C-alpha atoms as a PDB file:
ATOM      1  CA  UNK A   1     -87.859  51.626 311.637  1.00  0.00           C
ATOM      2  CA  UNK A   2     -88.321  54.852 313.582  1.00  0.00           C
ATOM      3  CA  UNK A   3     -86.297  57.975 312.904  1.00  0.00           C
ATOM      4  CA  UNK A   4     -85.948  61.468 314.348  1.00  0.00           C
ATOM      5  CA  UNK A   5     -83.600  64.400 313.931  1.00  0.00           C
ATOM      6  CA  UNK A   6     -81.023  64.848 316.713  1.00  0.00           C
ATOM      7  CA  UNK A   7     -79.447  68.021 315.323  1.00  0.00           C
ATOM      8  CA  UNK A   8     -78.423  69.491 311.988  1.00  0.00           C
ATOM      9  CA  UNK A   9     -76.160  66.565 311.107  1.00  0.00           C
ATOM     10  CA  UNK A  10     -77.294  63.445 313.002  1.00  0.00           C
ATOM     11  CA  UNK A  11     -80.393  61.225 313.155  1.00  0.00           C
ATOM     12  CA  UNK A  12     -81.800  58.894 315.801  1.00  0.00           C
ATOM     13  CA  UNK A  13     -82.653  55.526 314.251  1.00  0.00           C
ATOM     14  CA  UNK A  14     -84.375  52.507 315.772  1.00  0.00           C
ATOM     15  CA  UNK A  15     -84.615  49.450 313.519  1.00  0.00           C
ATOM     16  CA  UNK A  16     -86.297  46.090 314.142  1.00  0.00           C
ATOM     17  CA  UNK A  17     -87.004  43.119 311.907  1.00  0.00           C
ATOM     18  CA  UNK A  18     -88.775  40.148 313.516  1.00  0.00           C
ATOM     19  CA  UNK A  19     -90.202  37.334 311.394  1.00  0.00           C
ATOM     20  CA  UNK A  20     -91.580  33.990 312.539  1.00  0.00           C
ATOM     21  CA  UNK A  21     -92.884  30.963 310.673  1.00  0.00           C
ATOM     22  CA  UNK A  22     -94.563  28.208 312.666  1.00  0.00           C
ATOM     23  CA  UNK A  23     -94.009  24.967 310.776  1.00  0.00           C
ATOM     24  CA  UNK A  24     -95.831  22.932 313.426  1.00  0.00           C
ATOM     25  CA  UNK A  25     -96.552  22.952 317.151  1.00  0.00           C
ATOM     26  CA  UNK A  26     -93.042  21.577 317.655  1.00  0.00           C
ATOM     27  CA  UNK A  27     -90.946  23.711 315.264  1.00  0.00           C
ATOM     28  CA  UNK A  28     -90.630  27.475 314.724  1.00  0.00           C
ATOM     29  CA  UNK A  29     -88.225  29.345 312.446  1.00  0.00           C
ATOM     30  CA  UNK A  30     -87.363  32.945 313.341  1.00  0.00           C
ATOM     31  CA  UNK A  31     -85.322  35.788 311.869  1.00  0.00           C
ATOM     32  CA  UNK A  32     -84.460  38.841 313.993  1.00  0.00           C
ATOM     33  CA  UNK A  33     -82.401  42.000 313.732  1.00  0.00           C
ATOM     34  CA  UNK A  34     -82.434  44.973 316.145  1.00  0.00           C
ATOM     35  CA  UNK A  35     -80.458  48.191 316.409  1.00  0.00           C
ATOM     36  CA  UNK A  36     -80.780  51.582 318.125  1.00  0.00           C
ATOM     37  CA  UNK A  37     -78.398  54.362 317.061  1.00  0.00           C
ATOM     38  CA  UNK A  38     -78.298  57.741 318.787  1.00  0.00           C
ATOM     39  CA  UNK A  39     -74.832  58.221 320.309  1.00  0.00           C
ATOM     40  CA  UNK A  40     -72.438  56.775 317.675  1.00  0.00           C
ATOM     41  CA  UNK A  41     -72.472  55.625 314.051  1.00  0.00           C
ATOM     42  CA  UNK A  42     -72.849  51.844 313.678  1.00  0.00           C
ATOM     43  CA  UNK A  43     -73.317  49.493 310.719  1.00  0.00           C
ATOM     44  CA  UNK A  44     -76.476  47.400 310.704  1.00  0.00           C
ATOM     45  CA  UNK A  45     -75.890  44.057 312.475  1.00  0.00           C
ATOM     46  CA  UNK A  46     -76.281  40.759 310.691  1.00  0.00           C
ATOM     47  CA  UNK A  47     -79.739  39.195 311.167  1.00  0.00           C
ATOM     48  CA  UNK A  48     -79.962  36.197 313.496  1.00  0.00           C
ATOM     49  CA  UNK A  49     -81.610  33.033 312.198  1.00  0.00           C
ATOM     50  CA  UNK A  50     -83.063  30.665 314.799  1.00  0.00           C
ATOM     51  CA  UNK A  51     -84.783  27.278 314.801  1.00  0.00           C
ATOM     52  CA  UNK A  52     -86.911  26.529 317.897  1.00  0.00           C
ATOM     53  CA  UNK A  53     -87.860  22.955 318.722  1.00  0.00           C
ATOM     54  CA  UNK A  54     -90.328  21.747 321.362  1.00  0.00           C
ATOM     55  CA  UNK A  55     -89.561  18.002 321.307  1.00  0.00           C
ATOM     56  CA  UNK A  56     -91.904  16.989 324.119  1.00  0.00           C
ATOM     57  CA  UNK A  57     -94.908  18.986 322.843  1.00  0.00           C
ATOM     58  CA  UNK A  58     -95.034  20.997 326.077  1.00  0.00           C
ATOM     59  CA  UNK A  59     -93.533  24.319 327.252  1.00  0.00           C
ATOM     60  CA  UNK A  60     -89.891  23.147 327.260  1.00  0.00           C
ATOM     61  CA  UNK A  61     -88.056  24.182 324.104  1.00  0.00           C
ATOM     62  CA  UNK A  62     -84.542  24.445 322.688  1.00  0.00           C
ATOM     63  CA  UNK A  63     -83.111  26.421 319.826  1.00  0.00           C
ATOM     64  CA  UNK A  64     -80.045  26.711 317.624  1.00  0.00           C
ATOM     65  CA  UNK A  65     -79.183  30.161 316.256  1.00  0.00           C
ATOM     66  CA  UNK A  66     -76.545  31.926 314.210  1.00  0.00           C
ATOM     67  CA  UNK A  67     -75.727  34.937 312.044  1.00  0.00           C
ATOM     68  CA  UNK A  68     -75.046  33.879 308.429  1.00  0.00           C
ATOM     69  CA  UNK A  69     -72.182  35.914 306.898  1.00  0.00           C
ATOM     70  CA  UNK A  70     -70.126  35.816 303.698  1.00  0.00           C
ATOM     71  CA  UNK A  71     -66.880  35.426 305.665  1.00  0.00           C
ATOM     72  CA  UNK A  72     -67.239  32.430 307.955  1.00  0.00           C
ATOM     73  CA  UNK A  73     -64.862  33.990 310.488  1.00  0.00           C
ATOM     74  CA  UNK A  74     -67.614  36.500 311.391  1.00  0.00           C
ATOM     75  CA  UNK A  75     -70.324  33.920 312.127  1.00  0.00           C
ATOM     76  CA  UNK A  76     -71.928  33.956 315.590  1.00  0.00           C
ATOM     77  CA  UNK A  77     -73.231  30.611 316.841  1.00  0.00           C
ATOM     78  CA  UNK A  78     -75.297  29.753 319.906  1.00  0.00           C
ATOM     79  CA  UNK A  79     -78.400  28.255 321.398  1.00  0.00           C
ATOM     80  CA  UNK A  80     -81.088  28.766 323.991  1.00  0.00           C
ATOM     81  CA  UNK A  81     -83.351  27.025 326.473  1.00  0.00           C
ATOM     82  CA  UNK A  82     -86.979  28.192 326.606  1.00  0.00           C
ATOM     83  CA  UNK A  83     -89.827  27.633 329.015  1.00  0.00           C
ATOM     84  CA  UNK A  84     -93.077  28.759 327.428  1.00  0.00           C
ATOM     85  CA  UNK A  85     -93.791  30.131 323.981  1.00  0.00           C
ATOM     86  CA  UNK A  86     -93.306  33.627 322.637  1.00  0.00           C
ATOM     87  CA  UNK A  87     -94.660  36.301 322.570  1.00  0.00           C
ATOM     88  CA  UNK A  88     -96.130  35.916 326.101  1.00  0.00           C
ATOM     89  CA  UNK A  89     -95.702  33.752 329.193  1.00  0.00           C
ATOM     90  CA  UNK A  90     -92.175  32.539 328.556  1.00  0.00           C
ATOM     91  CA  UNK A  91     -88.632  32.848 329.870  1.00  0.00           C
ATOM     92  CA  UNK A  92     -85.588  32.251 327.688  1.00  0.00           C
ATOM     93  CA  UNK A  93     -81.843  31.850 328.382  1.00  0.00           C
ATOM     94  CA  UNK A  94     -79.528  32.350 325.397  1.00  0.00           C
ATOM     95  CA  UNK A  95     -75.781  31.813 324.949  1.00  0.00           C
ATOM     96  CA  UNK A  96     -73.931  33.018 321.824  1.00  0.00           C
ATOM     97  CA  UNK A  97     -70.249  32.762 320.888  1.00  0.00           C
ATOM     98  CA  UNK A  98     -69.258  35.927 319.020  1.00  0.00           C
ATOM     99  CA  UNK A  99     -67.204  35.359 315.836  1.00  0.00           C
ATOM    100  CA  UNK A 100     -67.065  31.736 316.929  1.00  0.00           C
ATOM    101  CA  UNK A 101     -64.949  30.534 313.968  1.00  0.00           C
ATOM    102  CA  UNK A 102     -62.654  33.553 313.715  1.00  0.00           C
ATOM    103  CA  UNK A 103     -59.386  31.972 314.836  1.00  0.00           C
ATOM    104  CA  UNK A 104     -59.981  28.892 312.641  1.00  0.00           C
ATOM    105  CA  UNK A 105     -61.246  30.667 309.511  1.00  0.00           C
ATOM    106  CA  UNK A 106     -59.225  33.909 309.464  1.00  0.00           C
ATOM    107  CA  UNK A 107     -56.932  33.568 306.433  1.00  0.00           C
ATOM    108  CA  UNK A 108     -56.730  37.295 305.673  1.00  0.00           C
ATOM    109  CA  UNK A 109     -54.345  38.570 308.357  1.00  0.00           C
ATOM    110  CA  UNK A 110     -52.673  37.609 311.636  1.00  0.00           C
ATOM    111  CA  UNK A 111     -55.409  38.930 313.911  1.00  0.00           C
ATOM    112  CA  UNK A 112     -57.000  36.652 316.519  1.00  0.00           C
ATOM    113  CA  UNK A 113     -59.053  36.444 319.715  1.00  0.00           C
ATOM    114  CA  UNK A 114     -57.233  35.378 322.875  1.00  0.00           C
ATOM    115  CA  UNK A 115     -60.419  33.668 324.112  1.00  0.00           C
ATOM    116  CA  UNK A 116     -63.898  33.077 322.716  1.00  0.00           C
ATOM    117  CA  UNK A 117     -66.045  36.179 323.370  1.00  0.00           C
ATOM    118  CA  UNK A 118     -69.625  35.462 324.348  1.00  0.00           C
ATOM    119  CA  UNK A 119     -72.992  37.045 325.009  1.00  0.00           C
ATOM    120  CA  UNK A 120     -75.517  35.735 327.533  1.00  0.00           C
ATOM    121  CA  UNK A 121     -79.125  36.951 327.427  1.00  0.00           C
ATOM    122  CA  UNK A 122     -82.101  36.244 329.646  1.00  0.00           C
ATOM    123  CA  UNK A 123     -85.503  37.502 328.595  1.00  0.00           C
ATOM    124  CA  UNK A 124     -89.134  36.887 329.377  1.00  0.00           C
ATOM    125  CA  UNK A 125     -92.672  38.217 329.123  1.00  0.00           C
ATOM    126  CA  UNK A 126     -95.777  37.464 331.162  1.00  0.00           C
ATOM    127  CA  UNK A 127     -99.408  38.527 330.777  1.00  0.00           C
ATOM    128  CA  UNK A 128    -101.054  37.925 334.143  1.00  0.00           C
ATOM    129  CA  UNK A 129    -104.852  37.669 333.934  1.00  0.00           C
ATOM    130  CA  UNK A 130    -104.908  40.390 331.246  1.00  0.00           C
ATOM    131  CA  UNK A 131    -104.269  43.040 333.948  1.00  0.00           C
ATOM    132  CA  UNK A 132    -100.485  42.947 334.492  1.00  0.00           C
ATOM    133  CA  UNK A 133     -97.959  42.774 331.673  1.00  0.00           C
ATOM    134  CA  UNK A 134     -94.250  42.315 332.366  1.00  0.00           C
ATOM    135  CA  UNK A 135     -91.369  42.191 329.886  1.00  0.00           C
ATOM    136  CA  UNK A 136     -87.686  41.997 330.779  1.00  0.00           C
ATOM    137  CA  UNK A 137     -84.402  41.547 328.951  1.00  0.00           C
ATOM    138  CA  UNK A 138     -80.825  41.522 330.229  1.00  0.00           C
ATOM    139  CA  UNK A 139     -77.710  40.697 328.213  1.00  0.00           C
ATOM    140  CA  UNK A 140     -74.003  40.788 328.998  1.00  0.00           C
ATOM    141  CA  UNK A 141     -71.032  40.581 326.621  1.00  0.00           C
ATOM    142  CA  UNK A 142     -67.584  39.672 327.938  1.00  0.00           C
ATOM    143  CA  UNK A 143     -64.219  37.995 327.273  1.00  0.00           C
ATOM    144  CA  UNK A 144     -63.723  39.963 324.058  1.00  0.00           C
ATOM    145  CA  UNK A 145     -59.981  40.507 323.657  1.00  0.00           C
ATOM    146  CA  UNK A 146     -58.909  41.047 320.050  1.00  0.00           C
ATOM    147  CA  UNK A 147     -55.219  41.098 319.079  1.00  0.00           C
ATOM    148  CA  UNK A 148     -53.728  42.728 315.967  1.00  0.00           C
ATOM    149  CA  UNK A 149     -50.050  41.722 316.204  1.00  0.00           C
ATOM    150  CA  UNK A 150     -48.945  43.621 313.078  1.00  0.00           C
ATOM    151  CA  UNK A 151     -49.620  46.945 314.807  1.00  0.00           C
ATOM    152  CA  UNK A 152     -49.140  45.668 318.365  1.00  0.00           C
ATOM    153  CA  UNK A 153     -52.799  46.374 319.177  1.00  0.00           C
ATOM    154  CA  UNK A 154     -55.025  44.928 321.900  1.00  0.00           C
ATOM    155  CA  UNK A 155     -58.756  45.708 321.945  1.00  0.00           C
ATOM    156  CA  UNK A 156     -61.127  44.715 324.764  1.00  0.00           C
ATOM    157  CA  UNK A 157     -64.867  45.151 325.042  1.00  0.00           C
ATOM    158  CA  UNK A 158     -67.556  44.336 327.569  1.00  0.00           C
ATOM    159  CA  UNK A 159     -71.109  45.565 328.003  1.00  0.00           C
ATOM    160  CA  UNK A 160     -74.367  45.129 329.887  1.00  0.00           C
ATOM    161  CA  UNK A 161     -77.786  46.023 328.487  1.00  0.00           C
ATOM    162  CA  UNK A 162     -81.198  45.865 330.159  1.00  0.00           C
ATOM    163  CA  UNK A 163     -84.882  46.661 329.602  1.00  0.00           C
ATOM    164  CA  UNK A 164     -87.838  46.213 331.957  1.00  0.00           C
ATOM    165  CA  UNK A 165     -91.503  47.057 331.251  1.00  0.00           C
ATOM    166  CA  UNK A 166     -94.299  46.827 333.812  1.00  0.00           C
ATOM    167  CA  UNK A 167     -97.864  47.711 332.779  1.00  0.00           C
ATOM    168  CA  UNK A 168    -101.019  47.576 334.891  1.00  0.00           C
ATOM    169  CA  UNK A 169    -104.334  47.563 333.013  1.00  0.00           C
ATOM    170  CA  UNK A 170    -107.190  48.280 335.483  1.00  0.00           C
ATOM    171  CA  UNK A 171    -109.625  48.198 332.526  1.00  0.00           C
ATOM    172  CA  UNK A 172    -109.378  47.402 328.833  1.00  0.00           C
ATOM    173  CA  UNK A 173    -109.025  51.133 328.084  1.00  0.00           C
ATOM    174  CA  UNK A 174    -106.432  52.219 330.689  1.00  0.00           C
ATOM    175  CA  UNK A 175    -102.736  51.540 331.304  1.00  0.00           C
ATOM    176  CA  UNK A 176    -100.458  52.676 334.120  1.00  0.00           C
ATOM    177  CA  UNK A 177     -96.876  51.649 333.568  1.00  0.00           C
ATOM    178  CA  UNK A 178     -93.154  52.238 333.638  1.00  0.00           C
ATOM    179  CA  UNK A 179     -90.387  51.267 331.219  1.00  0.00           C
ATOM    180  CA  UNK A 180     -86.704  51.295 332.210  1.00  0.00           C
ATOM    181  CA  UNK A 181     -83.872  50.814 329.721  1.00  0.00           C
ATOM    182  CA  UNK A 182     -80.127  51.271 329.795  1.00  0.00           C
ATOM    183  CA  UNK A 183     -76.653  49.986 329.019  1.00  0.00           C
ATOM    184  CA  UNK A 184     -73.006  50.220 330.108  1.00  0.00           C
ATOM    185  CA  UNK A 185     -70.144  49.817 327.609  1.00  0.00           C
ATOM    186  CA  UNK A 186     -66.404  49.630 328.351  1.00  0.00           C
ATOM    187  CA  UNK A 187     -64.067  49.725 325.321  1.00  0.00           C
ATOM    188  CA  UNK A 188     -60.266  49.806 325.539  1.00  0.00           C
ATOM    189  CA  UNK A 189     -57.602  49.873 322.819  1.00  0.00           C
ATOM    190  CA  UNK A 190     -53.848  49.741 323.408  1.00  0.00           C
ATOM    191  CA  UNK A 191     -51.538  49.995 320.397  1.00  0.00           C
ATOM    192  CA  UNK A 192     -48.505  51.809 319.044  1.00  0.00           C
ATOM    193  CA  UNK A 193     -50.752  54.379 317.352  1.00  0.00           C
ATOM    194  CA  UNK A 194     -53.722  54.565 319.703  1.00  0.00           C
ATOM    195  CA  UNK A 195     -54.159  54.187 323.455  1.00  0.00           C
ATOM    196  CA  UNK A 196     -57.554  55.083 324.847  1.00  0.00           C
ATOM    197  CA  UNK A 197     -60.532  53.864 326.847  1.00  0.00           C
ATOM    198  CA  UNK A 198     -64.180  54.799 326.298  1.00  0.00           C
ATOM    199  CA  UNK A 199     -66.849  54.377 328.978  1.00  0.00           C
ATOM    200  CA  UNK A 200     -70.454  54.911 327.873  1.00  0.00           C
ATOM    201  CA  UNK A 201     -73.491  54.741 330.146  1.00  0.00           C
ATOM    202  CA  UNK A 202     -77.171  55.283 329.327  1.00  0.00           C
ATOM    203  CA  UNK A 203     -80.263  55.154 331.549  1.00  0.00           C
ATOM    204  CA  UNK A 204     -83.893  55.981 330.778  1.00  0.00           C
ATOM    205  CA  UNK A 205     -87.073  55.720 332.873  1.00  0.00           C
ATOM    206  CA  UNK A 206     -90.513  56.483 331.439  1.00  0.00           C
ATOM    207  CA  UNK A 207     -93.623  56.464 333.674  1.00  0.00           C
ATOM    208  CA  UNK A 208     -96.953  56.880 331.879  1.00  0.00           C
ATOM    209  CA  UNK A 209    -100.721  56.856 332.275  1.00  0.00           C
ATOM    210  CA  UNK A 210    -102.870  56.085 329.207  1.00  0.00           C
ATOM    211  CA  UNK A 211    -106.672  56.360 329.025  1.00  0.00           C
ATOM    212  CA  UNK A 212    -109.218  55.875 326.258  1.00  0.00           C
ATOM    213  CA  UNK A 213    -107.386  53.137 324.361  1.00  0.00           C
ATOM    214  CA  UNK A 214    -109.360  51.965 321.288  1.00  0.00           C
ATOM    215  CA  UNK A 215    -111.853  54.800 321.885  1.00  0.00           C
ATOM    216  CA  UNK A 216    -112.568  58.186 320.283  1.00  0.00           C
ATOM    217  CA  UNK A 217    -109.812  59.964 322.257  1.00  0.00           C
ATOM    218  CA  UNK A 218    -106.718  58.217 323.558  1.00  0.00           C
ATOM    219  CA  UNK A 219    -104.658  60.382 325.931  1.00  0.00           C
ATOM    220  CA  UNK A 220    -101.239  59.754 327.431  1.00  0.00           C
ATOM    221  CA  UNK A 221     -99.534  61.606 330.276  1.00  0.00           C
ATOM    222  CA  UNK A 222     -95.930  60.745 331.035  1.00  0.00           C
ATOM    223  CA  UNK A 223     -92.818  61.701 332.965  1.00  0.00           C
ATOM    224  CA  UNK A 224     -89.489  60.610 331.494  1.00  0.00           C
ATOM    225  CA  UNK A 225     -85.888  60.901 332.690  1.00  0.00           C
ATOM    226  CA  UNK A 226     -82.870  60.251 330.447  1.00  0.00           C
ATOM    227  CA  UNK A 227     -79.150  60.254 331.234  1.00  0.00           C
ATOM    228  CA  UNK A 228     -76.188  59.704 328.896  1.00  0.00           C
ATOM    229  CA  UNK A 229     -72.520  59.756 329.853  1.00  0.00           C
ATOM    230  CA  UNK A 230     -69.561  59.271 327.495  1.00  0.00           C
ATOM    231  CA  UNK A 231     -66.055  59.386 328.971  1.00  0.00           C
ATOM    232  CA  UNK A 232     -62.826  59.154 326.963  1.00  0.00           C
ATOM    233  CA  UNK A 233     -59.569  58.382 328.766  1.00  0.00           C
ATOM    234  CA  UNK A 234     -56.354  58.833 326.743  1.00  0.00           C
ATOM    235  CA  UNK A 235     -53.144  58.624 328.826  1.00  0.00           C
ATOM    236  CA  UNK A 236     -50.872  59.440 325.863  1.00  0.00           C
ATOM    237  CA  UNK A 237     -52.705  62.593 324.682  1.00  0.00           C
ATOM    238  CA  UNK A 238     -54.156  64.382 327.683  1.00  0.00           C
ATOM    239  CA  UNK A 239     -55.982  66.917 325.507  1.00  0.00           C
ATOM    240  CA  UNK A 240     -58.252  64.098 324.261  1.00  0.00           C
ATOM    241  CA  UNK A 241     -59.539  63.276 327.763  1.00  0.00           C
ATOM    242  CA  UNK A 242     -63.131  64.389 328.075  1.00  0.00           C
ATOM    243  CA  UNK A 243     -66.321  63.645 329.965  1.00  0.00           C
ATOM    244  CA  UNK A 244     -69.628  64.296 328.199  1.00  0.00           C
ATOM    245  CA  UNK A 245     -72.959  64.118 330.045  1.00  0.00           C
ATOM    246  CA  UNK A 246     -76.514  64.825 328.967  1.00  0.00           C
ATOM    247  CA  UNK A 247     -79.627  64.512 331.101  1.00  0.00           C
ATOM    248  CA  UNK A 248     -83.213  65.640 330.807  1.00  0.00           C
ATOM    249  CA  UNK A 249     -86.434  65.385 332.789  1.00  0.00           C
ATOM    250  CA  UNK A 250     -89.532  65.915 330.682  1.00  0.00           C
ATOM    251  CA  UNK A 251     -93.273  65.997 331.166  1.00  0.00           C
ATOM    252  CA  UNK A 252     -95.257  65.072 328.087  1.00  0.00           C
ATOM    253  CA  UNK A 253     -98.826  64.522 326.939  1.00  0.00           C
ATOM    254  CA  UNK A 254    -100.351  63.184 323.719  1.00  0.00           C
ATOM    255  CA  UNK A 255    -103.893  62.960 322.309  1.00  0.00           C
ATOM    256  CA  UNK A 256    -104.822  60.499 319.559  1.00  0.00           C
ATOM    257  CA  UNK A 257    -108.196  61.000 317.841  1.00  0.00           C
ATOM    258  CA  UNK A 258    -109.455  58.742 315.015  1.00  0.00           C
ATOM    259  CA  UNK A 259    -112.275  60.659 313.306  1.00  0.00           C
ATOM    260  CA  UNK A 260    -113.265  58.055 310.723  1.00  0.00           C
ATOM    261  CA  UNK A 261    -112.325  54.560 309.550  1.00  0.00           C
ATOM    262  CA  UNK A 262    -109.068  55.626 307.888  1.00  0.00           C
ATOM    263  CA  UNK A 263    -107.987  58.989 309.325  1.00  0.00           C
ATOM    264  CA  UNK A 264    -106.833  60.297 312.693  1.00  0.00           C
ATOM    265  CA  UNK A 265    -105.128  63.243 314.374  1.00  0.00           C
ATOM    266  CA  UNK A 266    -102.280  62.904 316.868  1.00  0.00           C
ATOM    267  CA  UNK A 267    -101.073  65.836 318.995  1.00  0.00           C
ATOM    268  CA  UNK A 268     -98.222  65.970 321.494  1.00  0.00           C
ATOM    269  CA  UNK A 269     -96.794  68.493 323.953  1.00  0.00           C
ATOM    270  CA  UNK A 270     -93.331  67.974 325.487  1.00  0.00           C
ATOM    271  CA  UNK A 271     -91.839  70.175 328.232  1.00  0.00           C
ATOM    272  CA  UNK A 272     -88.506  69.491 329.879  1.00  0.00           C
ATOM    273  CA  UNK A 273     -85.376  70.699 331.594  1.00  0.00           C
ATOM    274  CA  UNK A 274     -82.218  69.602 329.756  1.00  0.00           C
ATOM    275  CA  UNK A 275     -78.543  69.827 330.663  1.00  0.00           C
ATOM    276  CA  UNK A 276     -75.563  69.136 328.408  1.00  0.00           C
ATOM    277  CA  UNK A 277     -71.956  69.341 329.635  1.00  0.00           C
ATOM    278  CA  UNK A 278     -68.641  68.636 327.893  1.00  0.00           C
ATOM    279  CA  UNK A 279     -65.696  68.706 330.275  1.00  0.00           C
ATOM    280  CA  UNK A 280     -62.159  68.697 328.815  1.00  0.00           C
ATOM    281  CA  UNK A 281     -60.428  67.144 331.809  1.00  0.00           C
ATOM    282  CA  UNK A 282     -56.756  67.969 331.153  1.00  0.00           C
ATOM    283  CA  UNK A 283     -57.032  70.636 328.456  1.00  0.00           C
ATOM    284  CA  UNK A 284     -57.113  74.424 328.352  1.00  0.00           C
ATOM    285  CA  UNK A 285     -60.050  74.196 325.930  1.00  0.00           C
ATOM    286  CA  UNK A 286     -63.103  75.872 327.416  1.00  0.00           C
ATOM    287  CA  UNK A 287     -65.687  73.465 328.762  1.00  0.00           C
ATOM    288  CA  UNK A 288     -69.067  73.556 327.050  1.00  0.00           C
ATOM    289  CA  UNK A 289     -72.246  73.790 329.127  1.00  0.00           C
ATOM    290  CA  UNK A 290     -75.845  74.192 328.011  1.00  0.00           C
ATOM    291  CA  UNK A 291     -78.769  74.033 330.442  1.00  0.00           C
ATOM    292  CA  UNK A 292     -82.329  75.229 330.263  1.00  0.00           C
ATOM    293  CA  UNK A 293     -85.950  74.762 329.285  1.00  0.00           C
ATOM    294  CA  UNK A 294     -86.871  72.805 326.168  1.00  0.00           C
ATOM    295  CA  UNK A 295     -90.364  72.559 324.727  1.00  0.00           C
ATOM    296  CA  UNK A 296     -91.958  71.104 321.616  1.00  0.00           C
ATOM    297  CA  UNK A 297     -95.423  70.831 320.123  1.00  0.00           C
ATOM    298  CA  UNK A 298     -96.122  68.076 317.584  1.00  0.00           C
ATOM    299  CA  UNK A 299     -99.099  67.517 315.304  1.00  0.00           C
ATOM    300  CA  UNK A 300     -99.669  64.581 312.984  1.00  0.00           C
ATOM    301  CA  UNK A 301    -102.188  63.475 310.399  1.00  0.00           C
ATOM    302  CA  UNK A 302    -102.550  59.694 310.106  1.00  0.00           C
ATOM    303  CA  UNK A 303    -104.071  57.609 307.351  1.00  0.00           C
ATOM    304  CA  UNK A 304    -104.726  53.974 308.311  1.00  0.00           C
ATOM    305  CA  UNK A 305    -105.777  50.750 306.660  1.00  0.00           C
ATOM    306  CA  UNK A 306    -109.169  49.310 307.564  1.00  0.00           C
ATOM    307  CA  UNK A 307    -107.657  46.657 309.853  1.00  0.00           C
ATOM    308  CA  UNK A 308    -105.426  49.256 311.560  1.00  0.00           C
ATOM    309  CA  UNK A 309    -102.233  47.318 310.831  1.00  0.00           C
ATOM    310  CA  UNK A 310    -100.716  49.863 308.415  1.00  0.00           C
ATOM    311  CA  UNK A 311    -100.412  53.626 308.895  1.00  0.00           C
ATOM    312  CA  UNK A 312     -99.056  56.529 306.877  1.00  0.00           C
ATOM    313  CA  UNK A 313     -98.209  59.515 309.095  1.00  0.00           C
ATOM    314  CA  UNK A 314     -97.363  63.155 308.304  1.00  0.00           C
ATOM    315  CA  UNK A 315     -95.710  65.074 311.176  1.00  0.00           C
ATOM    316  CA  UNK A 316     -95.085  68.744 311.895  1.00  0.00           C
ATOM    317  CA  UNK A 317     -93.355  70.015 315.036  1.00  0.00           C
ATOM    318  CA  UNK A 318     -92.357  73.366 316.506  1.00  0.00           C
ATOM    319  CA  UNK A 319     -89.898  74.244 319.266  1.00  0.00           C
ATOM    320  CA  UNK A 320     -91.694  76.288 321.916  1.00  0.00           C
ATOM    321  CA  UNK A 321     -88.443  77.827 323.151  1.00  0.00           C
ATOM    322  CA  UNK A 322     -87.435  78.781 319.575  1.00  0.00           C
ATOM    323  CA  UNK A 323     -90.685  79.376 317.707  1.00  0.00           C
ATOM    324  CA  UNK A 324     -88.867  79.950 314.416  1.00  0.00           C
ATOM    325  CA  UNK A 325     -87.408  76.427 314.431  1.00  0.00           C
ATOM    326  CA  UNK A 326     -89.774  73.915 312.807  1.00  0.00           C
ATOM    327  CA  UNK A 327     -89.428  70.318 311.711  1.00  0.00           C
ATOM    328  CA  UNK A 328     -91.415  67.677 309.917  1.00  0.00           C
ATOM    329  CA  UNK A 329     -91.405  64.196 308.520  1.00  0.00           C
ATOM    330  CA  UNK A 330     -93.327  61.362 306.905  1.00  0.00           C
ATOM    331  CA  UNK A 331     -93.407  57.799 308.245  1.00  0.00           C
ATOM    332  CA  UNK A 332     -95.008  54.502 307.304  1.00  0.00           C
ATOM    333  CA  UNK A 333     -95.565  51.591 309.657  1.00  0.00           C
ATOM    334  CA  UNK A 334     -97.018  48.162 308.971  1.00  0.00           C
ATOM    335  CA  UNK A 335     -97.410  44.908 310.845  1.00  0.00           C
ATOM    336  CA  UNK A 336     -97.148  41.821 308.624  1.00  0.00           C
END
C-alpha cells in the first residue's frame, strides 16, 4: 500500500495484494486484489481467487477464478487461457462475468441486469535476454446495464484501462524506460430523481533514466506528463454541468544512497508546470483556474532488513513554491 496527501482533505492510495502458492508444476493457487484511488472515493474490491492448471506440463495453462462474497448475487466468475508462466514470459487472456449470479440470486429487491456484464483482460510480460523488459495490460468492461424498477432507474457503465512498460537495460546497473497508463470511464444514470452522465479520462506517461542500481549511489532522472479530465453532463439541472481538467508536466530527479547494511538516504527534487481548470458550462458560477510552477524537495531516511526485502521509511518534504508548507510521513514495505 502506498499513500500520499492530495490536499487538506483527500489522500492518494494505491493498494495491491498478490499471493501465490505453487502446489506442483501443474497447479498454482493465487489471490489478488488491486486498487488505485485518487479521483473518487471507492470501497476496496473483493479479492480474486484463482486456480491455474497446466495439464500438459508445458506452457499452455487454464484457470478458473472468482470473487467470493457473502451475498452470492455479487460473485464474479470467469476463467483464462495462459501461454507461459508468470511473472515473466507469458501472455494471458481473461474473461469474467460481473455479478454473474445476480439475476438468479437477488432476493432482496426487484433490481436486475438486462444482460450479463463482462470484463475482458489481456496481459503479458517478457524479459528478452535480460536487456529488454516489456509488460502490458489492457482490460475493457461493457454490457453493464442495471435496472432499478422501483425508482424507474437505469444505470450503464463501460470502461477501458491500459498499462504499458518498456525498459531497456544496457548494463546490469542502468535502465532507460517509459511507462504509460490510463483509463476511460463512461457512467450514465437515468431515473426519476437523477439524470446525469459522467465521463472520466486519465493518461500518464513517465520516461526515466536510472543509473547505479545496486551500487553506492542510485540516481534517477525522469520526465512525466499527467492528464485528468472529469466531465459531468446533467440535462435536467444545467447548473450541475461542469468540465474539470488537470494536467502537469514535471521534471524530477532522485538519489538513493545506502551507507551501511541497514540504513540509506533517499532524496528527490520535483519541478513542474501544473494547470487546473473547472468550467461550469451552463452556470453563472465563476470558473476556477489555477496554473503555475510547482516544486517539491523530499528527503527520506530508510532502515532495511539484511536481505533488503523489508524497509521502514521516514519522509519529510517541502514545497519550493511555498516554503512554509511542509509534509511528512512514515511507510513500511515488505515482500513476502
